[in-house]
């Protein structure tokens, strides 16, 4: 079977996984809520200002640092934003695990099965437990 066919199968399986479904649902709920959406927009604005300062070789001022800290705290306190970031983290873990499996297969070193070191008996030297 072609490598590209296998890639398509992997993509299809990922598109149907629970972690991606949870991420999409959390994203929809977050952007449907005006308060959560405003927090995300404010955070993006702060990041743009921070990046602009870095590009110009400047250190961000205390006002910007305080604004970033404030919006991050409010984002962490918002259940919809927090749920989105948690779902994003879960999906990222799946992608990292897939990448590790692919890297082991490509390098020919064997390694872990899905599920981490408990599945491979530690034959990976602990690599699959590294985050």
Protein backbone atom coordinates (compact mmCIF):
# COMPACT_ATOMS: atom_id res chain seq x y z
CA UNK A 1 0.00 0.00 0.00
CA UNK A 2 1.24 3.48 -0.81
CA UNK A 3 2.68 5.70 1.92
CA UNK A 4 0.27 8.42 0.83
CA UNK A 5 -2.70 6.10 1.25
CA UNK A 6 -1.50 5.31 4.77
CA UNK A 7 -1.13 9.04 5.47
CA UNK A 8 -4.70 9.57 4.31
CA UNK A 9 -5.87 6.75 6.59
CA UNK A 10 -4.03 8.33 9.51
CA UNK A 11 -5.55 11.71 8.75
CA UNK A 12 -9.01 10.19 8.51
CA UNK A 13 -8.54 8.39 11.83
CA UNK A 14 -7.36 11.62 13.46
CA UNK A 15 -10.34 13.51 12.09
CA UNK A 16 -12.61 11.04 13.85
CA UNK A 17 -10.77 10.75 17.17
CA UNK A 18 -12.38 11.81 20.42
CA UNK A 19 -9.62 14.31 21.21
CA UNK A 20 -10.19 16.28 18.01
CA UNK A 21 -13.95 16.12 18.48
CA UNK A 22 -13.52 17.51 22.01
CA UNK A 23 -11.21 20.25 20.72
CA UNK A 24 -13.68 21.33 18.04
CA UNK A 25 -16.58 21.35 20.49
CA UNK A 26 -14.58 23.37 23.02
CA UNK A 27 -13.53 25.83 20.32
CA UNK A 28 -17.11 26.31 19.15
CA UNK A 29 -18.33 26.87 22.71
CA UNK A 30 -15.52 29.31 23.42
CA UNK A 31 -16.11 31.42 20.32
CA UNK A 32 -19.88 31.35 20.82
CA UNK A 33 -19.43 33.08 24.19
CA UNK A 34 -18.82 36.82 23.90
CA UNK A 35 -16.75 37.04 27.10
CA UNK A 36 -14.46 34.16 26.11
CA UNK A 37 -14.13 35.49 22.57
CA UNK A 38 -13.21 38.96 23.90
CA UNK A 39 -10.52 37.43 26.12
CA UNK A 40 -8.99 35.58 23.17
CA UNK A 41 -9.05 38.73 21.05
CA UNK A 42 -7.44 40.74 23.85
CA UNK A 43 -4.75 38.08 24.25
CA UNK A 44 -4.01 38.12 20.51
CA UNK A 45 -3.74 41.91 20.59
CA UNK A 46 -1.25 41.72 23.46
CA UNK A 47 0.78 39.09 21.61
CA UNK A 48 0.88 41.28 18.50
CA UNK A 49 2.14 44.20 20.57
CA UNK A 50 4.74 41.96 22.18
CA UNK A 51 5.91 40.67 18.81
CA UNK A 52 6.05 44.20 17.43
CA UNK A 53 8.30 45.24 20.32
CA UNK A 54 10.58 42.24 19.77
CA UNK A 55 10.87 42.92 16.03
CA UNK A 56 11.94 46.46 16.81
CA UNK A 57 14.51 45.14 19.30
CA UNK A 58 12.70 46.60 22.27
CA UNK A 59 11.79 45.08 25.61
CA UNK A 60 8.07 45.05 26.33
CA UNK A 61 7.09 47.74 28.82
CA UNK A 62 5.69 46.95 32.25
CA UNK A 63 2.21 47.98 31.09
CA UNK A 64 2.24 45.36 28.34
CA UNK A 65 3.64 42.71 30.66
CA UNK A 66 0.94 43.53 33.19
CA UNK A 67 -1.75 43.42 30.49
CA UNK A 68 -0.53 40.01 29.31
CA UNK A 69 -0.49 38.66 32.86
CA UNK A 70 -3.96 40.01 33.50
CA UNK A 71 -5.50 38.55 30.37
CA UNK A 72 -3.80 35.20 30.96
CA UNK A 73 -5.21 35.08 34.49
CA UNK A 74 -8.69 35.91 33.23
CA UNK A 75 -8.39 33.31 30.49
CA UNK A 76 -7.42 30.70 33.08
CA UNK A 77 -10.42 31.64 35.19
CA UNK A 78 -12.85 31.38 32.26
CA UNK A 79 -14.22 27.80 32.10
CA UNK A 80 -14.77 27.88 28.34
CA UNK A 81 -11.27 29.12 27.57
CA UNK A 82 -9.77 26.68 30.06
CA UNK A 83 -11.75 23.80 28.53
CA UNK A 84 -10.45 24.78 25.07
CA UNK A 85 -6.82 24.84 26.23
CA UNK A 86 -7.22 21.50 27.99
CA UNK A 87 -8.72 19.95 24.85
CA UNK A 88 -5.92 21.47 22.78
CA UNK A 89 -3.36 19.90 25.12
CA UNK A 90 -5.04 16.48 24.84
CA UNK A 91 -4.99 16.62 21.04
CA UNK A 92 -1.36 17.80 21.06
CA UNK A 93 -0.42 14.76 23.15
CA UNK A 94 -1.95 12.47 20.54
CA UNK A 95 0.03 14.22 17.79
CA UNK A 96 3.24 13.95 19.84
CA UNK A 97 2.67 10.25 20.40
CA UNK A 98 2.05 9.72 16.69
CA UNK A 99 5.24 11.63 15.89
CA UNK A 100 7.24 9.48 18.31
CA UNK A 101 5.83 6.29 16.78
CA UNK A 102 6.70 7.53 13.30
CA UNK A 103 10.20 8.54 14.37
CA UNK A 104 10.83 5.13 15.91
CA UNK A 105 9.52 3.38 12.81
CA UNK A 106 11.59 5.54 10.44
CA UNK A 107 14.77 5.15 12.47
CA UNK A 108 14.28 1.40 12.70
CA UNK A 109 14.81 1.48 16.45
CA UNK A 110 11.47 -0.07 17.27
CA UNK A 111 10.23 1.64 20.38
CA UNK A 112 6.91 2.10 22.00
CA UNK A 113 3.53 0.93 21.10
CA UNK A 114 0.59 3.29 21.50
CA UNK A 115 0.12 3.77 25.21
CA UNK A 116 3.65 4.62 26.23
CA UNK A 117 6.35 2.75 28.12
CA UNK A 118 3.90 0.47 29.85
CA UNK A 119 3.10 -0.96 26.41
CA UNK A 120 6.71 -1.38 25.28
CA UNK A 121 8.05 -2.54 28.63
CA UNK A 122 10.47 0.35 28.78
CA UNK A 123 12.35 -0.67 25.63
CA UNK A 124 12.40 2.90 24.44
CA UNK A 125 14.60 4.00 27.32
CA UNK A 126 11.85 6.23 28.65
CA UNK A 127 11.55 8.35 25.50
CA UNK A 128 7.81 7.92 25.27
CA UNK A 129 7.34 9.33 28.75
CA UNK A 130 9.19 12.53 27.85
CA UNK A 131 6.92 15.50 27.25
